[in-house]
Amino acid sequence: LIGCGLAYVPIFLLLLFFGFNIQEAMPLSLIPVLALFISIPHYGSTL
């Protein structure tokens, strides 16, 4: 799911067919909150 990216497949399909509903539920302004707990630690792990 994580190491090989399989979890991204359903995300891709949801964005493909229900993307606008997902955008409405999770707008671009929410991205920094999610990034805080996923993306930012990945930079920290290198440090």
All heavy atoms as atom14 arrays in JSON, in Angstrom:
{
  "sequence": "LIGCGLAYVPIFLLLLFFGFNIQEAMPLSLIPVLALFISIPHYGSTL",
  "atom14_mask": [
    [1, 1, 1, 1, 1, 1, 1, 1, 0, 0, 0, 0, 0, 0],
    [1, 1, 1, 1, 1, 1, 1, 1, 0, 0, 0, 0, 0, 0],
    [1, 1, 1, 1, 0, 0, 0, 0, 0, 0, 0, 0, 0, 0],
    [1, 1, 1, 1, 1, 1, 0, 0, 0, 0, 0, 0, 0, 0],
    [1, 1, 1, 1, 0, 0, 0, 0, 0, 0, 0, 0, 0, 0],
    [1, 1, 1, 1, 1, 1, 1, 1, 0, 0, 0, 0, 0, 0],
    [1, 1, 1, 1, 1, 0, 0, 0, 0, 0, 0, 0, 0, 0],
    [1, 1, 1, 1, 1, 1, 1, 1, 1, 1, 1, 1, 0, 0],
    [1, 1, 1, 1, 1, 1, 1, 0, 0, 0, 0, 0, 0, 0],
    [1, 1, 1, 1, 1, 1, 1, 0, 0, 0, 0, 0, 0, 0],
    [1, 1, 1, 1, 1, 1, 1, 1, 0, 0, 0, 0, 0, 0],
    [1, 1, 1, 1, 1, 1, 1, 1, 1, 1, 1, 0, 0, 0],
    [1, 1, 1, 1, 1, 1, 1, 1, 0, 0, 0, 0, 0, 0],
    [1, 1, 1, 1, 1, 1, 1, 1, 0, 0, 0, 0, 0, 0],
    [1, 1, 1, 1, 1, 1, 1, 1, 0, 0, 0, 0, 0, 0],
    [1, 1, 1, 1, 1, 1, 1, 1, 0, 0, 0, 0, 0, 0],
    [1, 1, 1, 1, 1, 1, 1, 1, 1, 1, 1, 0, 0, 0],
    [1, 1, 1, 1, 1, 1, 1, 1, 1, 1, 1, 0, 0, 0],
    [1, 1, 1, 1, 0, 0, 0, 0, 0, 0, 0, 0, 0, 0],
    [1, 1, 1, 1, 1, 1, 1, 1, 1, 1, 1, 0, 0, 0],
    [1, 1, 1, 1, 1, 1, 1, 1, 0, 0, 0, 0, 0, 0],
    [1, 1, 1, 1, 1, 1, 1, 1, 0, 0, 0, 0, 0, 0],
    [1, 1, 1, 1, 1, 1, 1, 1, 1, 0, 0, 0, 0, 0],
    [1, 1, 1, 1, 1, 1, 1, 1, 1, 0, 0, 0, 0, 0],
    [1, 1, 1, 1, 1, 0, 0, 0, 0, 0, 0, 0, 0, 0],
    [1, 1, 1, 1, 1, 1, 1, 1, 0, 0, 0, 0, 0, 0],
    [1, 1, 1, 1, 1, 1, 1, 0, 0, 0, 0, 0, 0, 0],
    [1, 1, 1, 1, 1, 1, 1, 1, 0, 0, 0, 0, 0, 0],
    [1, 1, 1, 1, 1, 1, 0, 0, 0, 0, 0, 0, 0, 0],
    [1, 1, 1, 1, 1, 1, 1, 1, 0, 0, 0, 0, 0, 0],
    [1, 1, 1, 1, 1, 1, 1, 1, 0, 0, 0, 0, 0, 0],
    [1, 1, 1, 1, 1, 1, 1, 0, 0, 0, 0, 0, 0, 0],
    [1, 1, 1, 1, 1, 1, 1, 0, 0, 0, 0, 0, 0, 0],
    [1, 1, 1, 1, 1, 1, 1, 1, 0, 0, 0, 0, 0, 0],
    [1, 1, 1, 1, 1, 0, 0, 0, 0, 0, 0, 0, 0, 0],
    [1, 1, 1, 1, 1, 1, 1, 1, 0, 0, 0, 0, 0, 0],
    [1, 1, 1, 1, 1, 1, 1, 1, 1, 1, 1, 0, 0, 0],
    [1, 1, 1, 1, 1, 1, 1, 1, 0, 0, 0, 0, 0, 0],
    [1, 1, 1, 1, 1, 1, 0, 0, 0, 0, 0, 0, 0, 0],
    [1, 1, 1, 1, 1, 1, 1, 1, 0, 0, 0, 0, 0, 0],
    [1, 1, 1, 1, 1, 1, 1, 0, 0, 0, 0, 0, 0, 0],
    [1, 1, 1, 1, 1, 1, 1, 1, 1, 1, 0, 0, 0, 0],
    [1, 1, 1, 1, 1, 1, 1, 1, 1, 1, 1, 1, 0, 0],
    [1, 1, 1, 1, 0, 0, 0, 0, 0, 0, 0, 0, 0, 0],
    [1, 1, 1, 1, 1, 1, 0, 0, 0, 0, 0, 0, 0, 0],
    [1, 1, 1, 1, 1, 1, 1, 0, 0, 0, 0, 0, 0, 0],
    [1, 1, 1, 1, 1, 1, 1, 1, 0, 0, 0, 0, 0, 0]
  ],
  "atom14_positions": [
    [[0.81, -1.21, 0.0], [0.0, 0.0, 0.0], [0.85, 1.26, 0.0], [0.6, 2.19, -0.78], [-0.93, 0.0, 1.21], [-2.1, -0.96, 1.19], [-2.85, -0.92, 2.51], [-3.05, -0.64, 0.05], [0.0, 0.0, 0.0], [0.0, 0.0, 0.0], [0.0, 0.0, 0.0], [0.0, 0.0, 0.0], [0.0, 0.0, 0.0], [0.0, 0.0, 0.0]],
    [[1.86, 1.32, 0.86], [2.64, 2.54, 1.03], [3.94, 2.48, 0.23], [4.24, 3.39, -0.55], [2.94, 2.78, 2.53], [1.63, 2.86, 3.31], [3.76, 4.05, 2.71], [1.81, 2.94, 4.81], [0.0, 0.0, 0.0], [0.0, 0.0, 0.0], [0.0, 0.0, 0.0], [0.0, 0.0, 0.0], [0.0, 0.0, 0.0], [0.0, 0.0, 0.0]],
    [[4.71, 1.43, 0.43], [6.01, 1.33, -0.24], [5.93, 1.23, -1.74], [6.77, 1.77, -2.46], [0.0, 0.0, 0.0], [0.0, 0.0, 0.0], [0.0, 0.0, 0.0], [0.0, 0.0, 0.0], [0.0, 0.0, 0.0], [0.0, 0.0, 0.0], [0.0, 0.0, 0.0], [0.0, 0.0, 0.0], [0.0, 0.0, 0.0], [0.0, 0.0, 0.0]],
    [[4.91, 0.54, -2.22], [4.76, 0.34, -3.67], [3.72, 1.27, -4.29], [3.5, 1.22, -5.5], [4.41, -1.11, -3.97], [5.63, -2.28, -3.38], [0.0, 0.0, 0.0], [0.0, 0.0, 0.0], [0.0, 0.0, 0.0], [0.0, 0.0, 0.0], [0.0, 0.0, 0.0], [0.0, 0.0, 0.0], [0.0, 0.0, 0.0], [0.0, 0.0, 0.0]],
    [[3.06, 2.07, -3.49], [2.13, 3.06, -4.02], [0.76, 2.54, -4.38], [0.0, 3.25, -5.06], [0.0, 0.0, 0.0], [0.0, 0.0, 0.0], [0.0, 0.0, 0.0], [0.0, 0.0, 0.0], [0.0, 0.0, 0.0], [0.0, 0.0, 0.0], [0.0, 0.0, 0.0], [0.0, 0.0, 0.0], [0.0, 0.0, 0.0], [0.0, 0.0, 0.0]],
    [[0.42, 1.33, -3.93], [-0.89, 0.79, -4.29], [-2.03, 1.64, -3.74], [-3.09, 1.74, -4.37], [-1.02, -0.65, -3.77], [-2.3, -1.41, -4.12], [-2.48, -1.5, -5.64], [-2.3, -2.8, -3.49], [0.0, 0.0, 0.0], [0.0, 0.0, 0.0], [0.0, 0.0, 0.0], [0.0, 0.0, 0.0], [0.0, 0.0, 0.0], [0.0, 0.0, 0.0]],
    [[-1.82, 2.29, -2.6], [-2.88, 3.12, -2.01], [-3.23, 4.3, -2.9], [-4.33, 4.86, -2.78], [-2.44, 3.63, -0.63], [0.0, 0.0, 0.0], [0.0, 0.0, 0.0], [0.0, 0.0, 0.0], [0.0, 0.0, 0.0], [0.0, 0.0, 0.0], [0.0, 0.0, 0.0], [0.0, 0.0, 0.0], [0.0, 0.0, 0.0], [0.0, 0.0, 0.0]],
    [[-2.32, 4.7, -3.79], [-2.62, 5.83, -4.67], [-3.61, 5.45, -5.77], [-4.3, 6.32, -6.31], [-1.34, 6.37, -5.31], [-1.6, 7.52, -6.25], [-1.97, 8.77, -5.75], [-1.53, 7.36, -7.63], [-2.24, 9.83, -6.6], [-1.8, 8.42, -8.5], [-2.16, 9.64, -7.97], [-2.43, 10.69, -8.82], [0.0, 0.0, 0.0], [0.0, 0.0, 0.0]],
    [[-3.71, 4.18, -6.1], [-4.6, 3.75, -7.2], [-6.05, 4.14, -6.91], [-6.71, 4.76, -7.76], [-4.46, 2.24, -7.47], [-5.48, 1.77, -8.5], [-3.04, 1.92, -7.95], [0.0, 0.0, 0.0], [0.0, 0.0, 0.0], [0.0, 0.0, 0.0], [0.0, 0.0, 0.0], [0.0, 0.0, 0.0], [0.0, 0.0, 0.0], [0.0, 0.0, 0.0]],
    [[-6.63, 3.78, -5.74], [-8.02, 4.23, -5.48], [-8.13, 5.76, -5.41], [-9.17, 6.31, -5.79], [-8.37, 3.57, -4.14], [-7.07, 3.21, -3.52], [-6.15, 2.91, -4.65], [0.0, 0.0, 0.0], [0.0, 0.0, 0.0], [0.0, 0.0, 0.0], [0.0, 0.0, 0.0], [0.0, 0.0, 0.0], [0.0, 0.0, 0.0], [0.0, 0.0, 0.0]],
    [[-7.09, 6.43, -4.91], [-7.13, 7.9, -4.89], [-7.2, 8.44, -6.3], [-7.99, 9.35, -6.6], [-5.88, 8.46, -4.15], [-5.93, 8.09, -2.68], [-5.79, 9.97, -4.32], [-4.69, 8.46, -1.91], [0.0, 0.0, 0.0], [0.0, 0.0, 0.0], [0.0, 0.0, 0.0], [0.0, 0.0, 0.0], [0.0, 0.0, 0.0], [0.0, 0.0, 0.0]],
    [[-6.4, 7.87, -7.19], [-6.41, 8.29, -8.59], [-7.79, 8.07, -9.21], [-8.31, 8.95, -9.92], [-5.35, 7.51, -9.37], [-5.37, 7.75, -10.85], [-4.77, 8.88, -11.39], [-5.98, 6.85, -11.72], [-4.78, 9.12, -12.75], [-6.01, 7.08, -13.08], [-5.41, 8.22, -13.61], [0.0, 0.0, 0.0], [0.0, 0.0, 0.0], [0.0, 0.0, 0.0]],
    [[-8.39, 6.92, -8.94], [-9.72, 6.62, -9.51], [-10.78, 7.56, -8.95], [-11.68, 8.01, -9.68], [-10.08, 5.16, -9.24], [-9.2, 4.11, -9.95], [-9.58, 2.71, -9.49], [-9.32, 4.25, -11.46], [0.0, 0.0, 0.0], [0.0, 0.0, 0.0], [0.0, 0.0, 0.0], [0.0, 0.0, 0.0], [0.0, 0.0, 0.0], [0.0, 0.0, 0.0]],
    [[-10.69, 7.87, -7.65], [-11.64, 8.8, -7.06], [-11.5, 10.19, -7.67], [-12.51, 10.86, -7.96], [-11.45, 8.86, -5.55], [-11.93, 7.64, -4.75], [-11.48, 7.73, -3.3], [-13.45, 7.51, -4.83], [0.0, 0.0, 0.0], [0.0, 0.0, 0.0], [0.0, 0.0, 0.0], [0.0, 0.0, 0.0], [0.0, 0.0, 0.0], [0.0, 0.0, 0.0]],
    [[-10.25, 10.63, -7.86], [-10.03, 11.94, -8.49], [-10.48, 11.93, -9.94], [-10.92, 12.95, -10.48], [-8.55, 12.31, -8.41], [-8.01, 12.65, -7.02], [-6.51, 12.89, -7.09], [-8.71, 13.87, -6.44], [0.0, 0.0, 0.0], [0.0, 0.0, 0.0], [0.0, 0.0, 0.0], [0.0, 0.0, 0.0], [0.0, 0.0, 0.0], [0.0, 0.0, 0.0]],
    [[-10.37, 10.77, -10.58], [-10.76, 10.65, -11.99], [-12.27, 10.79, -12.17], [-12.74, 11.47, -13.09], [-10.27, 9.31, -12.54], [-10.38, 9.09, -14.05], [-9.47, 10.05, -14.8], [-10.03, 7.64, -14.41], [0.0, 0.0, 0.0], [0.0, 0.0, 0.0], [0.0, 0.0, 0.0], [0.0, 0.0, 0.0], [0.0, 0.0, 0.0], [0.0, 0.0, 0.0]],
    [[-13.03, 10.14, -11.28], [-14.48, 10.09, -11.47], [-15.27, 10.98, -10.5], [-16.41, 11.35, -10.81], [-14.96, 8.64, -11.33], [-14.4, 7.72, -12.39], [-13.45, 6.77, -12.05], [-14.79, 7.83, -13.71], [-12.92, 5.93, -13.01], [-14.27, 6.99, -14.68], [-13.33, 6.04, -14.34], [0.0, 0.0, 0.0], [0.0, 0.0, 0.0], [0.0, 0.0, 0.0]],
    [[-14.69, 11.29, -9.34], [-15.42, 12.1, -8.35], [-14.55, 13.25, -7.85], [-14.7, 13.7, -6.71], [-15.84, 11.22, -7.16], [-16.61, 9.99, -7.55], [-15.99, 8.75, -7.57], [-17.95, 10.07, -7.9], [-16.68, 7.6, -7.94], [-18.65, 8.94, -8.27], [-18.02, 7.69, -8.3], [0.0, 0.0, 0.0], [0.0, 0.0, 0.0], [0.0, 0.0, 0.0]],
    [[-13.66, 13.72, -8.7], [-12.67, 14.71, -8.28], [-13.27, 16.0, -7.76], [-12.78, 16.57, -6.76], [0.0, 0.0, 0.0], [0.0, 0.0, 0.0], [0.0, 0.0, 0.0], [0.0, 0.0, 0.0], [0.0, 0.0, 0.0], [0.0, 0.0, 0.0], [0.0, 0.0, 0.0], [0.0, 0.0, 0.0], [0.0, 0.0, 0.0], [0.0, 0.0, 0.0]],
    [[-14.33, 16.5, -8.38], [-14.9, 17.78, -7.97], [-15.59, 17.66, -6.61], [-15.57, 18.6, -5.82], [-15.86, 18.29, -9.04], [-15.18, 18.62, -10.33], [-15.28, 17.77, -11.43], [-14.39, 19.76, -10.44], [-14.62, 18.07, -12.62], [-13.74, 20.07, -11.63], [-13.86, 19.22, -12.72], [0.0, 0.0, 0.0], [0.0, 0.0, 0.0], [0.0, 0.0, 0.0]],
    [[-16.17, 16.49, -6.32], [-16.76, 16.27, -5.01], [-15.67, 16.23, -3.93], [-15.86, 16.76, -2.83], [-17.55, 14.96, -4.99], [-18.66, 14.94, -6.02], [-18.48, 14.44, -7.12], [-19.81, 15.5, -5.67], [0.0, 0.0, 0.0], [0.0, 0.0, 0.0], [0.0, 0.0, 0.0], [0.0, 0.0, 0.0], [0.0, 0.0, 0.0], [0.0, 0.0, 0.0]],
    [[-14.54, 15.61, -4.27], [-13.44, 15.54, -3.32], [-12.85, 16.93, -3.09], [-12.53, 17.31, -1.95], [-12.35, 14.56, -3.83], [-12.92, 13.15, -3.85], [-11.09, 14.63, -2.98], [-12.01, 12.12, -4.46], [0.0, 0.0, 0.0], [0.0, 0.0, 0.0], [0.0, 0.0, 0.0], [0.0, 0.0, 0.0], [0.0, 0.0, 0.0], [0.0, 0.0, 0.0]],
    [[-12.73, 17.71, -4.16], [-12.22, 19.08, -4.02], [-13.12, 19.92, -3.13], [-12.64, 20.75, -2.36], [-12.11, 19.73, -5.39], [-10.75, 19.56, -6.05], [-10.62, 20.43, -7.27], [-11.55, 20.57, -8.07], [-9.45, 21.01, -7.45], [0.0, 0.0, 0.0], [0.0, 0.0, 0.0], [0.0, 0.0, 0.0], [0.0, 0.0, 0.0], [0.0, 0.0, 0.0]],
    [[-14.41, 19.7, -3.24], [-15.36, 20.47, -2.42], [-15.24, 20.07, -0.95], [-15.28, 20.92, -0.05], [-16.78, 20.23, -2.91], [-17.82, 21.08, -2.21], [-19.22, 20.89, -2.79], [-19.34, 20.25, -3.87], [-20.18, 21.37, -2.17], [0.0, 0.0, 0.0], [0.0, 0.0, 0.0], [0.0, 0.0, 0.0], [0.0, 0.0, 0.0], [0.0, 0.0, 0.0]],
    [[-15.06, 18.75, -0.71], [-14.95, 18.28, 0.67], [-13.58, 18.58, 1.27], [-13.45, 18.79, 2.47], [-15.21, 16.77, 0.72], [0.0, 0.0, 0.0], [0.0, 0.0, 0.0], [0.0, 0.0, 0.0], [0.0, 0.0, 0.0], [0.0, 0.0, 0.0], [0.0, 0.0, 0.0], [0.0, 0.0, 0.0], [0.0, 0.0, 0.0], [0.0, 0.0, 0.0]],
    [[-12.56, 18.59, 0.42], [-11.19, 18.83, 0.87], [-10.54, 19.86, -0.06], [-9.8, 19.5, -0.96], [-10.4, 17.53, 0.87], [-9.07, 17.61, 1.58], [-8.31, 15.97, 1.69], [-9.47, 15.11, 2.73], [0.0, 0.0, 0.0], [0.0, 0.0, 0.0], [0.0, 0.0, 0.0], [0.0, 0.0, 0.0], [0.0, 0.0, 0.0], [0.0, 0.0, 0.0]],
    [[-10.81, 21.15, 0.15], [-10.32, 22.18, -0.76], [-8.81, 22.36, -0.66], [-8.15, 21.84, 0.24], [-11.05, 23.44, -0.3], [-11.37, 23.17, 1.14], [-11.62, 21.71, 1.24], [0.0, 0.0, 0.0], [0.0, 0.0, 0.0], [0.0, 0.0, 0.0], [0.0, 0.0, 0.0], [0.0, 0.0, 0.0], [0.0, 0.0, 0.0], [0.0, 0.0, 0.0]],
    [[-8.29, 23.14, -1.6], [-6.85, 23.39, -1.67], [-6.32, 24.02, -0.39], [-5.17, 23.8, -0.01], [-6.56, 24.28, -2.88], [-5.13, 24.27, -3.44], [-4.74, 22.89, -3.92], [-5.01, 25.29, -4.57], [0.0, 0.0, 0.0], [0.0, 0.0, 0.0], [0.0, 0.0, 0.0], [0.0, 0.0, 0.0], [0.0, 0.0, 0.0], [0.0, 0.0, 0.0]],
    [[-7.16, 24.82, 0.29], [-6.72, 25.48, 1.52], [-6.43, 24.5, 2.65], [-5.72, 24.84, 3.6], [-7.78, 26.49, 1.97], [-9.03, 25.84, 2.18], [0.0, 0.0, 0.0], [0.0, 0.0, 0.0], [0.0, 0.0, 0.0], [0.0, 0.0, 0.0], [0.0, 0.0, 0.0], [0.0, 0.0, 0.0], [0.0, 0.0, 0.0], [0.0, 0.0, 0.0]],
    [[-6.97, 23.27, 2.57], [-6.72, 22.26, 3.6], [-5.41, 21.53, 3.39], [-4.94, 20.84, 4.29], [-7.87, 21.24, 3.62], [-9.0, 21.47, 4.61], [-10.05, 20.38, 4.44], [-8.51, 21.51, 6.03], [0.0, 0.0, 0.0], [0.0, 0.0, 0.0], [0.0, 0.0, 0.0], [0.0, 0.0, 0.0], [0.0, 0.0, 0.0], [0.0, 0.0, 0.0]],
    [[-4.82, 21.68, 2.21], [-3.62, 20.91, 1.88], [-2.48, 21.14, 2.87], [-1.82, 20.18, 3.28], [-3.19, 21.21, 0.43], [-4.13, 20.47, -0.53], [-1.75, 20.81, 0.17], [-3.83, 20.69, -1.99], [0.0, 0.0, 0.0], [0.0, 0.0, 0.0], [0.0, 0.0, 0.0], [0.0, 0.0, 0.0], [0.0, 0.0, 0.0], [0.0, 0.0, 0.0]],
    [[-2.19, 22.39, 3.3], [-1.09, 22.56, 4.26], [-1.28, 21.8, 5.56], [-0.31, 21.4, 6.19], [-1.07, 24.08, 4.48], [-1.67, 24.66, 3.25], [-2.72, 23.69, 2.85], [0.0, 0.0, 0.0], [0.0, 0.0, 0.0], [0.0, 0.0, 0.0], [0.0, 0.0, 0.0], [0.0, 0.0, 0.0], [0.0, 0.0, 0.0], [0.0, 0.0, 0.0]],
    [[-2.54, 21.6, 5.99], [-2.79, 20.84, 7.22], [-2.4, 19.39, 7.01], [-1.71, 18.77, 7.84], [-4.26, 20.95, 7.65], [-4.53, 20.08, 8.87], [-4.62, 22.39, 7.94], [0.0, 0.0, 0.0], [0.0, 0.0, 0.0], [0.0, 0.0, 0.0], [0.0, 0.0, 0.0], [0.0, 0.0, 0.0], [0.0, 0.0, 0.0], [0.0, 0.0, 0.0]],
    [[-2.83, 18.82, 5.88], [-2.47, 17.43, 5.59], [-0.97, 17.29, 5.35], [-0.35, 16.31, 5.77], [-3.26, 16.94, 4.37], [-4.78, 16.93, 4.52], [-5.45, 16.51, 3.22], [-5.21, 16.0, 5.64], [0.0, 0.0, 0.0], [0.0, 0.0, 0.0], [0.0, 0.0, 0.0], [0.0, 0.0, 0.0], [0.0, 0.0, 0.0], [0.0, 0.0, 0.0]],
    [[-0.4, 18.28, 4.68], [1.05, 18.24, 4.42], [1.85, 18.26, 5.72], [2.93, 17.66, 5.8], [1.45, 19.42, 3.54], [0.0, 0.0, 0.0], [0.0, 0.0, 0.0], [0.0, 0.0, 0.0], [0.0, 0.0, 0.0], [0.0, 0.0, 0.0], [0.0, 0.0, 0.0], [0.0, 0.0, 0.0], [0.0, 0.0, 0.0], [0.0, 0.0, 0.0]],
    [[1.33, 18.93, 6.74], [2.03, 19.0, 8.02], [2.28, 17.62, 8.58], [3.34, 17.36, 9.17], [1.21, 19.84, 9.0], [1.71, 19.89, 10.46], [3.1, 20.52, 10.51], [0.73, 20.66, 11.33], [0.0, 0.0, 0.0], [0.0, 0.0, 0.0], [0.0, 0.0, 0.0], [0.0, 0.0, 0.0], [0.0, 0.0, 0.0], [0.0, 0.0, 0.0]],
    [[1.35, 16.69, 8.38], [1.46, 15.38, 9.0], [1.98, 14.3, 8.05], [2.23, 13.17, 8.49], [0.09, 14.96, 9.56], [-0.41, 15.9, 10.62], [-1.43, 16.79, 10.35], [0.18, 15.91, 11.88], [-1.88, 17.67, 11.33], [-0.27, 16.79, 12.85], [-1.3, 17.67, 12.59], [0.0, 0.0, 0.0], [0.0, 0.0, 0.0], [0.0, 0.0, 0.0]],
    [[2.16, 14.63, 6.77], [2.68, 13.64, 5.82], [3.96, 14.13, 5.16], [5.02, 13.51, 5.29], [1.63, 13.31, 4.74], [0.34, 12.78, 5.38], [2.19, 12.27, 3.77], [-0.79, 12.57, 4.4], [0.0, 0.0, 0.0], [0.0, 0.0, 0.0], [0.0, 0.0, 0.0], [0.0, 0.0, 0.0], [0.0, 0.0, 0.0], [0.0, 0.0, 0.0]],
    [[3.86, 15.26, 4.47], [5.01, 15.73, 3.71], [6.12, 16.3, 4.59], [7.3, 15.99, 4.39], [4.57, 16.79, 2.69], [3.76, 16.22, 1.69], [0.0, 0.0, 0.0], [0.0, 0.0, 0.0], [0.0, 0.0, 0.0], [0.0, 0.0, 0.0], [0.0, 0.0, 0.0], [0.0, 0.0, 0.0], [0.0, 0.0, 0.0], [0.0, 0.0, 0.0]],
    [[5.78, 17.13, 5.56], [6.8, 17.78, 6.38], [7.64, 16.76, 7.15], [8.87, 16.89, 7.21], [6.15, 18.83, 7.3], [5.8, 20.07, 6.45], [7.06, 19.2, 8.45], [5.19, 21.21, 7.21], [0.0, 0.0, 0.0], [0.0, 0.0, 0.0], [0.0, 0.0, 0.0], [0.0, 0.0, 0.0], [0.0, 0.0, 0.0], [0.0, 0.0, 0.0]],
    [[7.05, 15.69, 7.74], [7.91, 14.7, 8.4], [8.87, 13.99, 7.45], [9.94, 13.56, 7.87], [6.91, 13.71, 9.01], [5.65, 14.47, 9.14], [5.63, 15.42, 7.99], [0.0, 0.0, 0.0], [0.0, 0.0, 0.0], [0.0, 0.0, 0.0], [0.0, 0.0, 0.0], [0.0, 0.0, 0.0], [0.0, 0.0, 0.0], [0.0, 0.0, 0.0]],
    [[8.51, 13.88, 6.19], [9.41, 13.16, 5.27], [10.67, 13.99, 5.01], [11.75, 13.43, 4.82], [8.65, 12.76, 4.0], [9.03, 13.45, 2.74], [8.5, 14.66, 2.36], [9.87, 13.08, 1.73], [9.0, 15.01, 1.19], [9.84, 14.09, 0.78], [0.0, 0.0, 0.0], [0.0, 0.0, 0.0], [0.0, 0.0, 0.0], [0.0, 0.0, 0.0]],
    [[10.54, 15.33, 5.06], [11.75, 16.16, 4.99], [12.56, 16.0, 6.28], [13.79, 15.91, 6.25], [11.38, 17.63, 4.8], [10.69, 17.92, 3.5], [9.31, 18.09, 3.45], [11.41, 18.04, 2.31], [8.67, 18.36, 2.25], [10.77, 18.31, 1.11], [9.4, 18.46, 1.09], [8.76, 18.72, -0.1], [0.0, 0.0, 0.0], [0.0, 0.0, 0.0]],
    [[11.86, 15.97, 7.4], [12.54, 15.82, 8.68], [13.28, 14.51, 8.82], [14.33, 14.45, 9.46], [0.0, 0.0, 0.0], [0.0, 0.0, 0.0], [0.0, 0.0, 0.0], [0.0, 0.0, 0.0], [0.0, 0.0, 0.0], [0.0, 0.0, 0.0], [0.0, 0.0, 0.0], [0.0, 0.0, 0.0], [0.0, 0.0, 0.0], [0.0, 0.0, 0.0]],
    [[12.76, 13.45, 8.22], [13.43, 12.14, 8.33], [14.8, 12.16, 7.67], [15.73, 11.5, 8.13], [12.55, 11.05, 7.71], [12.39, 11.25, 6.32], [0.0, 0.0, 0.0], [0.0, 0.0, 0.0], [0.0, 0.0, 0.0], [0.0, 0.0, 0.0], [0.0, 0.0, 0.0], [0.0, 0.0, 0.0], [0.0, 0.0, 0.0], [0.0, 0.0, 0.0]],
    [[14.95, 12.94, 6.58], [16.26, 13.09, 5.96], [17.2, 13.87, 6.87], [18.39, 13.52, 7.01], [16.14, 13.81, 4.61], [15.34, 13.01, 3.73], [17.5, 14.02, 3.97], [0.0, 0.0, 0.0], [0.0, 0.0, 0.0], [0.0, 0.0, 0.0], [0.0, 0.0, 0.0], [0.0, 0.0, 0.0], [0.0, 0.0, 0.0], [0.0, 0.0, 0.0]],
    [[16.69, 14.92, 7.5], [17.52, 15.7, 8.43], [18.01, 14.83, 9.59], [19.17, 14.93, 10.01], [16.74, 16.9, 8.94], [16.26, 17.91, 7.9], [15.44, 19.01, 8.55], [17.44, 18.51, 7.14], [0.0, 0.0, 0.0], [0.0, 0.0, 0.0], [0.0, 0.0, 0.0], [0.0, 0.0, 0.0], [0.0, 0.0, 0.0], [0.0, 0.0, 0.0]]
  ]
}
